[in-house]
PDB file of N, CA and C in Angstrom:
ATOM      1  N   UNK A   1       0.847  -1.167   0.000  1.00  0.00           N
ATOM      2  CA  UNK A   1       0.000   0.000   0.000  1.00  0.00           C
ATOM      3  C   UNK A   1       0.893   1.230   0.000  1.00  0.00           C
ATOM      4  N   UNK A   2       0.654   2.158  -0.914  1.00  0.00           N
ATOM      5  CA  UNK A   2       1.470   3.344  -1.028  1.00  0.00           C
ATOM      6  C   UNK A   2       0.611   4.573  -0.811  1.00  0.00           C
ATOM      7  N   UNK A   3       1.098   5.461   0.027  1.00  0.00           N
ATOM      8  CA  UNK A   3       0.403   6.727   0.249  1.00  0.00           C
ATOM      9  C   UNK A   3       1.100   7.808  -0.556  1.00  0.00           C
ATOM     10  N   UNK A   4       0.328   8.577  -1.268  1.00  0.00           N
ATOM     11  CA  UNK A   4       0.889   9.645  -2.082  1.00  0.00           C
ATOM     12  C   UNK A   4       0.513  10.962  -1.449  1.00  0.00           C
ATOM     13  N   UNK A   5       1.513  11.771  -1.139  1.00  0.00           N
ATOM     14  CA  UNK A   5       1.260  13.100  -0.596  1.00  0.00           C
ATOM     15  C   UNK A   5       2.470  13.976  -0.867  1.00  0.00           C
ATOM     16  N   UNK A   6       2.254  15.251  -0.824  1.00  0.00           N
ATOM     17  CA  UNK A   6       3.340  16.200  -1.039  1.00  0.00           C
ATOM     18  C   UNK A   6       3.940  16.567   0.308  1.00  0.00           C
ATOM     19  N   UNK A   7       5.196  16.239   0.493  1.00  0.00           N
ATOM     20  CA  UNK A   7       5.898  16.552   1.734  1.00  0.00           C
ATOM     21  C   UNK A   7       6.799  17.741   1.455  1.00  0.00           C
ATOM     22  N   UNK A   8       6.583  18.811   2.205  1.00  0.00           N
ATOM     23  CA  UNK A   8       7.387  20.002   1.953  1.00  0.00           C
ATOM     24  C   UNK A   8       8.686  19.988   2.751  1.00  0.00           C
ATOM     25  N   UNK A   9       8.649  19.669   4.035  1.00  0.00           N
ATOM     26  CA  UNK A   9       9.869  19.605   4.843  1.00  0.00           C
ATOM     27  C   UNK A   9       9.729  18.520   5.900  1.00  0.00           C
ATOM     28  N   UNK A  10      10.874  18.047   6.391  1.00  0.00           N
ATOM     29  CA  UNK A  10      10.891  17.084   7.479  1.00  0.00           C
ATOM     30  C   UNK A  10      11.792  17.633   8.571  1.00  0.00           C
ATOM     31  N   UNK A  11      11.245  17.758   9.764  1.00  0.00           N
ATOM     32  CA  UNK A  11      12.021  18.203  10.920  1.00  0.00           C
ATOM     33  C   UNK A  11      12.485  16.952  11.649  1.00  0.00           C
ATOM     34  N   UNK A  12      13.789  16.689  11.615  1.00  0.00           N
ATOM     35  CA  UNK A  12      14.319  15.433  12.127  1.00  0.00           C
ATOM     36  C   UNK A  12      14.144  15.247  13.622  1.00  0.00           C
ATOM     37  N   UNK A  13      14.274  16.275  14.388  1.00  0.00           N
ATOM     38  CA  UNK A  13      14.209  16.116  15.838  1.00  0.00           C
ATOM     39  C   UNK A  13      13.201  17.098  16.424  1.00  0.00           C
ATOM     40  N   UNK A  14      11.931  16.679  16.509  1.00  0.00           N
ATOM     41  CA  UNK A  14      10.948  17.556  17.137  1.00  0.00           C
ATOM     42  C   UNK A  14      11.272  17.732  18.614  1.00  0.00           C
ATOM     43  N   UNK A  15      10.666  18.716  19.262  1.00  0.00           N
ATOM     44  CA  UNK A  15      11.006  19.042  20.648  1.00  0.00           C
ATOM     45  C   UNK A  15      10.928  17.869  21.621  1.00  0.00           C
ATOM     46  N   UNK A  16      10.008  16.957  21.445  1.00  0.00           N
ATOM     47  CA  UNK A  16       9.858  15.857  22.389  1.00  0.00           C
ATOM     48  C   UNK A  16      10.821  14.719  22.093  1.00  0.00           C
ATOM     49  N   UNK A  17      11.539  14.736  20.967  1.00  0.00           N
ATOM     50  CA  UNK A  17      12.573  13.755  20.673  1.00  0.00           C
ATOM     51  C   UNK A  17      12.101  12.444  20.085  1.00  0.00           C
ATOM     52  N   UNK A  18      10.817  12.277  19.828  1.00  0.00           N
ATOM     53  CA  UNK A  18      10.320  11.021  19.277  1.00  0.00           C
ATOM     54  C   UNK A  18       9.798  11.250  17.869  1.00  0.00           C
ATOM     55  N   UNK A  19      10.213  10.410  16.933  1.00  0.00           N
ATOM     56  CA  UNK A  19       9.685  10.464  15.585  1.00  0.00           C
ATOM     57  C   UNK A  19      10.168  11.672  14.810  1.00  0.00           C
ATOM     58  N   UNK A  20       9.431  12.011  13.799  1.00  0.00           N
ATOM     59  CA  UNK A  20       9.744  13.162  12.970  1.00  0.00           C
ATOM     60  C   UNK A  20       8.452  13.877  12.625  1.00  0.00           C
ATOM     61  N   UNK A  21       8.539  15.208  12.489  1.00  0.00           N
ATOM     62  CA  UNK A  21       7.399  15.946  11.973  1.00  0.00           C
ATOM     63  C   UNK A  21       7.512  15.974  10.465  1.00  0.00           C
ATOM     64  N   UNK A  22       6.461  15.577   9.801  1.00  0.00           N
ATOM     65  CA  UNK A  22       6.406  15.662   8.354  1.00  0.00           C
ATOM     66  C   UNK A  22       5.380  16.732   8.030  1.00  0.00           C
ATOM     67  N   UNK A  23       5.794  17.728   7.276  1.00  0.00           N
ATOM     68  CA  UNK A  23       4.898  18.830   6.938  1.00  0.00           C
ATOM     69  C   UNK A  23       4.191  18.508   5.631  1.00  0.00           C
ATOM     70  N   UNK A  24       2.903  18.319   5.705  1.00  0.00           N
ATOM     71  CA  UNK A  24       2.089  18.034   4.532  1.00  0.00           C
ATOM     72  C   UNK A  24       1.076  19.164   4.398  1.00  0.00           C
ATOM     73  N   UNK A  25       1.123  19.840   3.270  1.00  0.00           N
ATOM     74  CA  UNK A  25       0.203  20.956   3.009  1.00  0.00           C
ATOM     75  C   UNK A  25       0.222  21.958   4.157  1.00  0.00           C
ATOM     76  N   UNK A  26       1.416  22.306   4.598  1.00  0.00           N
ATOM     77  CA  UNK A  26       1.639  23.292   5.664  1.00  0.00           C
ATOM     78  C   UNK A  26       1.069  22.881   7.013  1.00  0.00           C
ATOM     79  N   UNK A  27       0.793  21.595   7.223  1.00  0.00           N
ATOM     80  CA  UNK A  27       0.315  21.096   8.514  1.00  0.00           C
ATOM     81  C   UNK A  27       1.279  20.018   8.990  1.00  0.00           C
ATOM     82  N   UNK A  28       1.784  20.135  10.225  1.00  0.00           N
ATOM     83  CA  UNK A  28       2.722  19.112  10.710  1.00  0.00           C
ATOM     84  C   UNK A  28       1.985  17.827  11.106  1.00  0.00           C
ATOM     85  N   UNK A  29       2.517  16.714  10.677  1.00  0.00           N
ATOM     86  CA  UNK A  29       2.011  15.406  11.063  1.00  0.00           C
ATOM     87  C   UNK A  29       3.187  14.654  11.665  1.00  0.00           C
ATOM     88  N   UNK A  30       2.999  14.123  12.853  1.00  0.00           N
ATOM     89  CA  UNK A  30       4.068  13.375  13.500  1.00  0.00           C
ATOM     90  C   UNK A  30       4.149  11.988  12.882  1.00  0.00           C
ATOM     91  N   UNK A  31       5.289  11.656  12.329  1.00  0.00           N
ATOM     92  CA  UNK A  31       5.507  10.334  11.744  1.00  0.00           C
ATOM     93  C   UNK A  31       6.648   9.677  12.497  1.00  0.00           C
ATOM     94  N   UNK A  32       6.391   8.511  13.016  1.00  0.00           N
ATOM     95  CA  UNK A  32       7.439   7.794  13.733  1.00  0.00           C
ATOM     96  C   UNK A  32       8.255   7.029  12.711  1.00  0.00           C
ATOM     97  N   UNK A  33       9.476   7.433  12.522  1.00  0.00           N
ATOM     98  CA  UNK A  33      10.361   6.828  11.538  1.00  0.00           C
ATOM     99  C   UNK A  33      11.446   6.063  12.286  1.00  0.00           C
ATOM    100  N   UNK A  34      11.583   4.790  11.957  1.00  0.00           N
ATOM    101  CA  UNK A  34      12.583   3.960  12.631  1.00  0.00           C
ATOM    102  C   UNK A  34      13.827   3.877  11.772  1.00  0.00           C
ATOM    103  N   UNK A  35      14.969   4.111  12.381  1.00  0.00           N
ATOM    104  CA  UNK A  35      16.214   3.947  11.634  1.00  0.00           C
ATOM    105  C   UNK A  35      16.658   2.479  11.710  1.00  0.00           C
ATOM    106  N   UNK A  36      17.710   2.125  11.013  1.00  0.00           N
ATOM    107  CA  UNK A  36      18.149   0.734  10.926  1.00  0.00           C
ATOM    108  C   UNK A  36      18.492   0.151  12.294  1.00  0.00           C
ATOM    109  N   UNK A  37      19.111   0.919  13.169  1.00  0.00           N
ATOM    110  CA  UNK A  37      19.456   0.404  14.501  1.00  0.00           C
ATOM    111  C   UNK A  37      18.209   0.042  15.301  1.00  0.00           C
ATOM    112  N   UNK A  38      17.179   0.872  15.189  1.00  0.00           N
ATOM    113  CA  UNK A  38      15.935   0.592  15.914  1.00  0.00           C
ATOM    114  C   UNK A  38      15.258  -0.663  15.360  1.00  0.00           C
ATOM    115  N   UNK A  39      15.311  -0.835  14.045  1.00  0.00           N
ATOM    116  CA  UNK A  39      14.730  -2.028  13.422  1.00  0.00           C
ATOM    117  C   UNK A  39      15.507  -3.270  13.855  1.00  0.00           C
ATOM    118  N   UNK A  40      16.841  -3.168  13.871  1.00  0.00           N
ATOM    119  CA  UNK A  40      17.664  -4.285  14.348  1.00  0.00           C
ATOM    120  C   UNK A  40      17.281  -4.682  15.767  1.00  0.00           C
ATOM    121  N   UNK A  41      17.141  -3.693  16.629  1.00  0.00           N
ATOM    122  CA  UNK A  41      16.786  -3.949  18.028  1.00  0.00           C
ATOM    123  C   UNK A  41      15.398  -4.569  18.118  1.00  0.00           C
ATOM    124  N   UNK A  42      14.452  -4.049  17.335  1.00  0.00           N
ATOM    125  CA  UNK A  42      13.091  -4.581  17.348  1.00  0.00           C
ATOM    126  C   UNK A  42      13.074  -6.072  16.998  1.00  0.00           C
ATOM    127  N   UNK A  43      13.758  -6.448  15.919  1.00  0.00           N
ATOM    128  CA  UNK A  43      13.772  -7.855  15.525  1.00  0.00           C
ATOM    129  C   UNK A  43      14.572  -8.716  16.497  1.00  0.00           C
ATOM    130  N   UNK A  44      15.589  -8.156  17.132  1.00  0.00           N
ATOM    131  CA  UNK A  44      16.309  -8.888  18.182  1.00  0.00           C
ATOM    132  C   UNK A  44      15.399  -9.153  19.378  1.00  0.00           C
ATOM    133  N   UNK A  45      14.609  -8.164  19.760  1.00  0.00           N
ATOM    134  CA  UNK A  45      13.681  -8.331  20.881  1.00  0.00           C
ATOM    135  C   UNK A  45      12.620  -9.377  20.539  1.00  0.00           C
ATOM    136  N   UNK A  46      12.109  -9.330  19.312  1.00  0.00           N
ATOM    137  CA  UNK A  46      11.123 -10.327  18.879  1.00  0.00           C
ATOM    138  C   UNK A  46      11.742 -11.727  18.933  1.00  0.00           C
ATOM    139  N   UNK A  47      12.947 -11.878  18.389  1.00  0.00           N
ATOM    140  CA  UNK A  47      13.614 -13.179  18.398  1.00  0.00           C
ATOM    141  C   UNK A  47      13.943 -13.669  19.788  1.00  0.00           C
ATOM    142  N   UNK A  48      14.418 -12.785  20.643  1.00  0.00           N
ATOM    143  CA  UNK A  48      14.756 -13.196  22.013  1.00  0.00           C
ATOM    144  C   UNK A  48      13.500 -13.536  22.810  1.00  0.00           C
ATOM    145  N   UNK A  49      12.395 -12.871  22.523  1.00  0.00           N
ATOM    146  CA  UNK A  49      11.128 -13.225  23.173  1.00  0.00           C
ATOM    147  C   UNK A  49      10.714 -14.631  22.771  1.00  0.00           C
ATOM    148  N   UNK A  50      10.862 -14.940  21.486  1.00  0.00           N
ATOM    149  CA  UNK A  50      10.563 -16.290  21.013  1.00  0.00           C
ATOM    150  C   UNK A  50      11.462 -17.328  21.655  1.00  0.00           C
ATOM    151  N   UNK A  51      12.745 -17.012  21.754  1.00  0.00           N
ATOM    152  CA  UNK A  51      13.689 -17.918  22.399  1.00  0.00           C
ATOM    153  C   UNK A  51      13.298 -18.152  23.853  1.00  0.00           C
ATOM    154  N   UNK A  52      12.932 -17.082  24.533  1.00  0.00           N
ATOM    155  CA  UNK A  52      12.516 -17.208  25.935  1.00  0.00           C
ATOM    156  C   UNK A  52      11.305 -18.109  26.098  1.00  0.00           C
ATOM    157  N   UNK A  53      10.348 -17.995  25.170  1.00  0.00           N
ATOM    158  CA  UNK A  53       9.158 -18.840  25.248  1.00  0.00           C
ATOM    159  C   UNK A  53       9.486 -20.314  24.991  1.00  0.00           C
ATOM    160  N   UNK A  54      10.274 -20.590  23.957  1.00  0.00           N
ATOM    161  CA  UNK A  54      10.608 -21.981  23.625  1.00  0.00           C
ATOM    162  C   UNK A  54      11.461 -22.608  24.728  1.00  0.00           C
ATOM    163  N   UNK A  55      12.477 -21.906  25.159  1.00  0.00           N
ATOM    164  CA  UNK A  55      13.346 -22.436  26.221  1.00  0.00           C
ATOM    165  C   UNK A  55      12.576 -22.534  27.537  1.00  0.00           C
ATOM    166  N   UNK A  56      11.739 -21.540  27.805  1.00  0.00           N
ATOM    167  CA  UNK A  56      10.921 -21.575  29.016  1.00  0.00           C
ATOM    168  C   UNK A  56       9.980 -22.765  29.040  1.00  0.00           C
ATOM    169  N   UNK A  57       9.379 -23.067  27.889  1.00  0.00           N
ATOM    170  CA  UNK A  57       8.493 -24.233  27.801  1.00  0.00           C
ATOM    171  C   UNK A  57       9.270 -25.516  28.072  1.00  0.00           C
ATOM    172  N   UNK A  58      10.469 -25.602  27.519  1.00  0.00           N
ATOM    173  CA  UNK A  58      11.290 -26.794  27.731  1.00  0.00           C
ATOM    174  C   UNK A  58      11.671 -26.943  29.206  1.00  0.00           C
ATOM    175  N   UNK A  59      12.067 -25.839  29.836  1.00  0.00           N
ATOM    176  CA  UNK A  59      12.420 -25.894  31.258  1.00  0.00           C
ATOM    177  C   UNK A  59      11.207 -26.267  32.108  1.00  0.00           C
ATOM    178  N   UNK A  60      10.036 -25.715  31.767  1.00  0.00           N
ATOM    179  CA  UNK A  60       8.827 -26.067  32.514  1.00  0.00           C
ATOM    180  C   UNK A  60       8.542 -27.563  32.397  1.00  0.00           C
ATOM    181  N   UNK A  61       8.758 -28.105  31.206  1.00  0.00           N
ATOM    182  CA  UNK A  61       8.563 -29.532  30.990  1.00  0.00           C
ATOM    183  C   UNK A  61       9.540 -30.343  31.840  1.00  0.00           C
ATOM    184  N   UNK A  62      10.804 -29.957  31.827  1.00  0.00           N
ATOM    185  CA  UNK A  62      11.827 -30.693  32.574  1.00  0.00           C
ATOM    186  C   UNK A  62      11.640 -30.589  34.084  1.00  0.00           C
ATOM    187  N   UNK A  63      11.093 -29.481  34.542  1.00  0.00           N
ATOM    188  CA  UNK A  63      10.874 -29.285  35.974  1.00  0.00           C
ATOM    189  C   UNK A  63       9.529 -29.845  36.439  1.00  0.00           C
ATOM    190  N   UNK A  64       8.770 -30.426  35.525  1.00  0.00           N
ATOM    191  CA  UNK A  64       7.477 -31.007  35.886  1.00  0.00           C
ATOM    192  C   UNK A  64       6.384 -29.974  36.083  1.00  0.00           C
ATOM    193  N   UNK A  65       6.589 -28.765  35.589  1.00  0.00           N
ATOM    194  CA  UNK A  65       5.592 -27.697  35.737  1.00  0.00           C
ATOM    195  C   UNK A  65       4.606 -27.675  34.571  1.00  0.00           C
ATOM    196  N   UNK A  66       4.907 -28.413  33.501  1.00  0.00           N
ATOM    197  CA  UNK A  66       4.021 -28.503  32.348  1.00  0.00           C
ATOM    198  C   UNK A  66       4.105 -29.910  31.783  1.00  0.00           C
ATOM    199  N   UNK A  67       3.000 -30.378  31.269  1.00  0.00           N
ATOM    200  CA  UNK A  67       2.966 -31.689  30.612  1.00  0.00           C
ATOM    201  C   UNK A  67       3.110 -31.473  29.110  1.00  0.00           C
ATOM    202  N   UNK A  68       3.706 -32.430  28.390  1.00  0.00           N
ATOM    203  CA  UNK A  68       3.901 -32.246  26.953  1.00  0.00           C
ATOM    204  C   UNK A  68       2.592 -32.110  26.176  1.00  0.00           C
ATOM    205  N   UNK A  69       1.502 -32.603  26.743  1.00  0.00           N
ATOM    206  CA  UNK A  69       0.217 -32.482  26.048  1.00  0.00           C
ATOM    207  C   UNK A  69      -0.611 -31.296  26.536  1.00  0.00           C
ATOM    208  N   UNK A  70      -0.029 -30.470  27.409  1.00  0.00           N
ATOM    209  CA  UNK A  70      -0.788 -29.349  27.974  1.00  0.00           C
ATOM    210  C   UNK A  70      -0.914 -28.185  26.994  1.00  0.00           C
ATOM    211  N   UNK A  71      -1.948 -27.412  27.204  1.00  0.00           N
ATOM    212  CA  UNK A  71      -2.188 -26.229  26.378  1.00  0.00           C
ATOM    213  C   UNK A  71      -1.060 -25.215  26.558  1.00  0.00           C
ATOM    214  N   UNK A  72      -0.628 -25.003  27.775  1.00  0.00           N
ATOM    215  CA  UNK A  72       0.435 -24.033  28.059  1.00  0.00           C
ATOM    216  C   UNK A  72       1.713 -24.370  27.308  1.00  0.00           C
ATOM    217  N   UNK A  73       2.138 -25.611  27.415  1.00  0.00           N
ATOM    218  CA  UNK A  73       3.375 -26.045  26.773  1.00  0.00           C
ATOM    219  C   UNK A  73       3.315 -25.847  25.255  1.00  0.00           C
ATOM    220  N   UNK A  74       2.232 -26.284  24.648  1.00  0.00           N
ATOM    221  CA  UNK A  74       2.114 -26.189  23.191  1.00  0.00           C
ATOM    222  C   UNK A  74       1.938 -24.759  22.711  1.00  0.00           C
ATOM    223  N   UNK A  75       1.209 -23.938  23.446  1.00  0.00           N
ATOM    224  CA  UNK A  75       1.063 -22.528  23.049  1.00  0.00           C
ATOM    225  C   UNK A  75       2.371 -21.761  23.205  1.00  0.00           C
ATOM    226  N   UNK A  76       3.117 -22.068  24.258  1.00  0.00           N
ATOM    227  CA  UNK A  76       4.419 -21.417  24.430  1.00  0.00           C
ATOM    228  C   UNK A  76       5.358 -21.781  23.286  1.00  0.00           C
ATOM    229  N   UNK A  77       5.376 -23.059  22.915  1.00  0.00           N
ATOM    230  CA  UNK A  77       6.218 -23.498  21.803  1.00  0.00           C
ATOM    231  C   UNK A  77       5.765 -22.870  20.483  1.00  0.00           C
ATOM    232  N   UNK A  78       4.468 -22.847  20.241  1.00  0.00           N
ATOM    233  CA  UNK A  78       3.960 -22.281  18.991  1.00  0.00           C
ATOM    234  C   UNK A  78       4.249 -20.791  18.891  1.00  0.00           C
ATOM    235  N   UNK A  79       3.921 -20.050  19.933  1.00  0.00           N
ATOM    236  CA  UNK A  79       4.142 -18.604  19.881  1.00  0.00           C
ATOM    237  C   UNK A  79       5.631 -18.270  19.835  1.00  0.00           C
ATOM    238  N   UNK A  80       6.446 -19.026  20.547  1.00  0.00           N
ATOM    239  CA  UNK A  80       7.891 -18.810  20.497  1.00  0.00           C
ATOM    240  C   UNK A  80       8.455 -19.074  19.115  1.00  0.00           C
ATOM    241  N   UNK A  81       8.022 -20.164  18.498  1.00  0.00           N
ATOM    242  CA  UNK A  81       8.495 -20.489  17.152  1.00  0.00           C
ATOM    243  C   UNK A  81       8.048 -19.447  16.134  1.00  0.00           C
ATOM    244  N   UNK A  82       6.832 -18.937  16.283  1.00  0.00           N
ATOM    245  CA  UNK A  82       6.351 -17.893  15.366  1.00  0.00           C
ATOM    246  C   UNK A  82       7.180 -16.625  15.524  1.00  0.00           C
ATOM    247  N   UNK A  83       7.466 -16.239  16.759  1.00  0.00           N
ATOM    248  CA  UNK A  83       8.292 -15.044  16.984  1.00  0.00           C
ATOM    249  C   UNK A  83       9.696 -15.236  16.413  1.00  0.00           C
ATOM    250  N   UNK A  84      10.262 -16.419  16.595  1.00  0.00           N
ATOM    251  CA  UNK A  84      11.579 -16.690  16.017  1.00  0.00           C
ATOM    252  C   UNK A  84      11.526 -16.655  14.493  1.00  0.00           C
ATOM    253  N   UNK A  85      10.455 -17.163  13.920  1.00  0.00           N
ATOM    254  CA  UNK A  85      10.286 -17.132  12.466  1.00  0.00           C
ATOM    255  C   UNK A  85      10.200 -15.696  11.960  1.00  0.00           C
ATOM    256  N   UNK A  86       9.502 -14.849  12.703  1.00  0.00           N
ATOM    257  CA  UNK A  86       9.413 -13.430  12.326  1.00  0.00           C
ATOM    258  C   UNK A  86      10.799 -12.794  12.347  1.00  0.00           C
ATOM    259  N   UNK A  87      11.570 -13.067  13.393  1.00  0.00           N
ATOM    260  CA  UNK A  87      12.912 -12.472  13.464  1.00  0.00           C
ATOM    261  C   UNK A  87      13.806 -13.010  12.356  1.00  0.00           C
ATOM    262  N   UNK A  88      13.594 -14.268  11.964  1.00  0.00           N
ATOM    263  CA  UNK A  88      14.397 -14.853  10.889  1.00  0.00           C
ATOM    264  C   UNK A  88      14.051 -14.266   9.521  1.00  0.00           C
ATOM    265  N   UNK A  89      12.888 -13.681   9.394  1.00  0.00           N
ATOM    266  CA  UNK A  89      12.539 -13.017   8.129  1.00  0.00           C
ATOM    267  C   UNK A  89      13.393 -11.761   7.939  1.00  0.00           C
ATOM    268  N   UNK A  90      13.912 -11.214   9.018  1.00  0.00           N
ATOM    269  CA  UNK A  90      14.773 -10.022   8.934  1.00  0.00           C
ATOM    270  C   UNK A  90      16.241 -10.427   8.854  1.00  0.00           C
ATOM    271  N   UNK A  91      16.652 -11.332   9.717  1.00  0.00           N
ATOM    272  CA  UNK A  91      18.022 -11.870   9.717  1.00  0.00           C
ATOM    273  C   UNK A  91      17.948 -13.324   9.299  1.00  0.00           C
ATOM    274  N   UNK A  92      17.851 -13.583   8.002  1.00  0.00           N
ATOM    275  CA  UNK A  92      17.539 -14.921   7.509  1.00  0.00           C
ATOM    276  C   UNK A  92      18.683 -15.907   7.709  1.00  0.00           C
ATOM    277  N   UNK A  93      18.295 -17.113   8.114  1.00  0.00           N
ATOM    278  CA  UNK A  93      19.191 -18.248   8.233  1.00  0.00           C
ATOM    279  C   UNK A  93      18.358 -19.462   7.873  1.00  0.00           C
ATOM    280  N   UNK A  94      18.689 -20.130   6.780  1.00  0.00           N
ATOM    281  CA  UNK A  94      17.853 -21.204   6.256  1.00  0.00           C
ATOM    282  C   UNK A  94      17.663 -22.343   7.254  1.00  0.00           C
ATOM    283  N   UNK A  95      18.733 -22.784   7.882  1.00  0.00           N
ATOM    284  CA  UNK A  95      18.627 -23.908   8.818  1.00  0.00           C
ATOM    285  C   UNK A  95      17.698 -23.565   9.988  1.00  0.00           C
ATOM    286  N   UNK A  96      17.845 -22.384  10.531  1.00  0.00           N
ATOM    287  CA  UNK A  96      16.980 -21.964  11.641  1.00  0.00           C
ATOM    288  C   UNK A  96      15.538 -21.796  11.181  1.00  0.00           C
ATOM    289  N   UNK A  97      15.363 -21.271   9.983  1.00  0.00           N
ATOM    290  CA  UNK A  97      14.022 -21.082   9.427  1.00  0.00           C
ATOM    291  C   UNK A  97      13.317 -22.436   9.297  1.00  0.00           C
ATOM    292  N   UNK A  98      14.015 -23.436   8.767  1.00  0.00           N
ATOM    293  CA  UNK A  98      13.429 -24.765   8.570  1.00  0.00           C
ATOM    294  C   UNK A  98      13.074 -25.404   9.907  1.00  0.00           C
ATOM    295  N   UNK A  99      13.961 -25.310  10.888  1.00  0.00           N
ATOM    296  CA  UNK A  99      13.650 -25.930  12.177  1.00  0.00           C
ATOM    297  C   UNK A  99      12.458 -25.251  12.841  1.00  0.00           C
ATOM    298  N   UNK A 100      12.307 -23.954  12.654  1.00  0.00           N
ATOM    299  CA  UNK A 100      11.143 -23.262  13.233  1.00  0.00           C
ATOM    300  C   UNK A 100       9.854 -23.690  12.547  1.00  0.00           C
ATOM    301  N   UNK A 101       9.911 -23.970  11.245  1.00  0.00           N
ATOM    302  CA  UNK A 101       8.720 -24.488  10.554  1.00  0.00           C
ATOM    303  C   UNK A 101       8.314 -25.838  11.154  1.00  0.00           C
ATOM    304  N   UNK A 102       9.296 -26.700  11.394  1.00  0.00           N
ATOM    305  CA  UNK A 102       8.998 -27.993  12.014  1.00  0.00           C
ATOM    306  C   UNK A 102       8.498 -27.811  13.445  1.00  0.00           C
ATOM    307  N   UNK A 103       9.048 -26.842  14.164  1.00  0.00           N
ATOM    308  CA  UNK A 103       8.616 -26.579  15.548  1.00  0.00           C
ATOM    309  C   UNK A 103       7.164 -26.111  15.562  1.00  0.00           C
ATOM    310  N   UNK A 104       6.815 -25.274  14.592  1.00  0.00           N
ATOM    311  CA  UNK A 104       5.426 -24.811  14.474  1.00  0.00           C
ATOM    312  C   UNK A 104       4.515 -25.990  14.160  1.00  0.00           C
ATOM    313  N   UNK A 105       4.934 -26.840  13.212  1.00  0.00           N
ATOM    314  CA  UNK A 105       4.120 -28.010  12.856  1.00  0.00           C
ATOM    315  C   UNK A 105       3.925 -28.925  14.057  1.00  0.00           C
ATOM    316  N   UNK A 106       4.983 -29.186  14.807  1.00  0.00           N
ATOM    317  CA  UNK A 106       4.882 -30.050  15.989  1.00  0.00           C
ATOM    318  C   UNK A 106       3.953 -29.427  17.036  1.00  0.00           C
ATOM    319  N   UNK A 107       4.029 -28.126  17.202  1.00  0.00           N
ATOM    320  CA  UNK A 107       3.168 -27.445  18.175  1.00  0.00           C
ATOM    321  C   UNK A 107       1.709 -27.505  17.755  1.00  0.00           C
ATOM    322  N   UNK A 108       1.459 -27.348  16.464  1.00  0.00           N
ATOM    323  CA  UNK A 108       0.082 -27.436  15.968  1.00  0.00           C
ATOM    324  C   UNK A 108      -0.455 -28.853  16.162  1.00  0.00           C
ATOM    325  N   UNK A 109       0.372 -29.855  15.920  1.00  0.00           N
ATOM    326  CA  UNK A 109      -0.043 -31.239  16.166  1.00  0.00           C
ATOM    327  C   UNK A 109      -0.402 -31.423  17.643  1.00  0.00           C
ATOM    328  N   UNK A 110       0.424 -30.887  18.520  1.00  0.00           N
ATOM    329  CA  UNK A 110       0.145 -30.967  19.955  1.00  0.00           C
ATOM    330  C   UNK A 110      -1.147 -30.267  20.328  1.00  0.00           C
ATOM    331  N   UNK A 111      -1.414 -29.117  19.727  1.00  0.00           N
ATOM    332  CA  UNK A 111      -2.650 -28.391  20.016  1.00  0.00           C
ATOM    333  C   UNK A 111      -3.871 -29.143  19.490  1.00  0.00           C
ATOM    334  N   UNK A 112      -3.756 -29.742  18.310  1.00  0.00           N
ATOM    335  CA  UNK A 112      -4.866 -30.527  17.757  1.00  0.00           C
ATOM    336  C   UNK A 112      -5.162 -31.720  18.667  1.00  0.00           C
ATOM    337  N   UNK A 113      -4.115 -32.394  19.124  1.00  0.00           N
ATOM    338  CA  UNK A 113      -4.303 -33.517  20.041  1.00  0.00           C
ATOM    339  C   UNK A 113      -4.954 -33.048  21.347  1.00  0.00           C
ATOM    340  N   UNK A 114      -4.571 -31.874  21.824  1.00  0.00           N
ATOM    341  CA  UNK A 114      -5.151 -31.322  23.053  1.00  0.00           C
ATOM    342  C   UNK A 114      -6.644 -31.066  22.862  1.00  0.00           C
ATOM    343  N   UNK A 115      -7.007 -30.443  21.745  1.00  0.00           N
ATOM    344  CA  UNK A 115      -8.408 -30.136  21.477  1.00  0.00           C
ATOM    345  C   UNK A 115      -9.218 -31.431  21.330  1.00  0.00           C
ATOM    346  N   UNK A 116      -8.688 -32.409  20.611  1.00  0.00           N
ATOM    347  CA  UNK A 116      -9.395 -33.682  20.456  1.00  0.00           C
ATOM    348  C   UNK A 116      -9.581 -34.391  21.791  1.00  0.00           C
ATOM    349  N   UNK A 117      -8.586 -34.336  22.648  1.00  0.00           N
ATOM    350  CA  UNK A 117      -8.687 -34.962  23.968  1.00  0.00           C
ATOM    351  C   UNK A 117      -9.756 -34.283  24.816  1.00  0.00           C
ATOM    352  N   UNK A 118      -9.887 -32.974  24.686  1.00  0.00           N
ATOM    353  CA  UNK A 118     -10.885 -32.239  25.454  1.00  0.00           C
ATOM    354  C   UNK A 118     -12.306 -32.504  24.940  1.00  0.00           C
ATOM    355  N   UNK A 119     -12.424 -32.806  23.637  1.00  0.00           N
ATOM    356  CA  UNK A 119     -13.732 -33.029  23.039  1.00  0.00           C
ATOM    357  C   UNK A 119     -14.234 -34.455  23.233  1.00  0.00           C
ATOM    358  N   UNK A 120     -13.321 -35.399  23.391  1.00  0.00           N
ATOM    359  CA  UNK A 120     -13.752 -36.795  23.530  1.00  0.00           C
ATOM    360  C   UNK A 120     -14.303 -37.030  24.930  1.00  0.00           C
ATOM    361  N   UNK A 121     -15.369 -37.832  25.017  1.00  0.00           N
ATOM    362  CA  UNK A 121     -15.927 -38.117  26.341  1.00  0.00           C
ATOM    363  C   UNK A 121     -14.982 -38.990  27.162  1.00  0.00           C
ATOM    364  N   UNK A 122     -14.966 -38.763  28.444  1.00  0.00           N
ATOM    365  CA  UNK A 122     -14.098 -39.517  29.348  1.00  0.00           C
ATOM    366  C   UNK A 122     -14.746 -40.862  29.630  1.00  0.00           C
ATOM    367  N   UNK A 123     -14.004 -41.931  29.394  1.00  0.00           N
ATOM    368  CA  UNK A 123     -14.525 -43.283  29.653  1.00  0.00           C
ATOM    369  C   UNK A 123     -14.364 -43.631  31.124  1.00  0.00           C
ATOM    370  N   UNK A 124     -15.420 -44.088  31.741  1.00  0.00           N
ATOM    371  CA  UNK A 124     -15.335 -44.479  33.147  1.00  0.00           C
ATOM    372  C   UNK A 124     -15.639 -45.923  33.348  1.00  0.00           C
TER     373      UNK A 124
END
């Protein structure tokens, strides 16, 4: 999606220090512009959040705080793998990308099994 407008001037550092003022038709509009360092940090934070979720799920499993078929364990793995996949779209690494696809698939299988187990009647 492309926005077309006439920009007359850009003030790089407005008084509050966040973003940039873009002057369109003599009216200032605050536009938050991220430089490369901020984008790098953003994707690092996304990737590290994913790592924390995946590793956290594994530690919870090893400490007996989560079962491998539990909703918590599978959602943590799925969301962590998705966040890692997002970060890999910026800093691409084929091997890591492929393993995250498999991690997502395994997590979805676990979630499907969880849902089926909840839907089936309990035999007594």
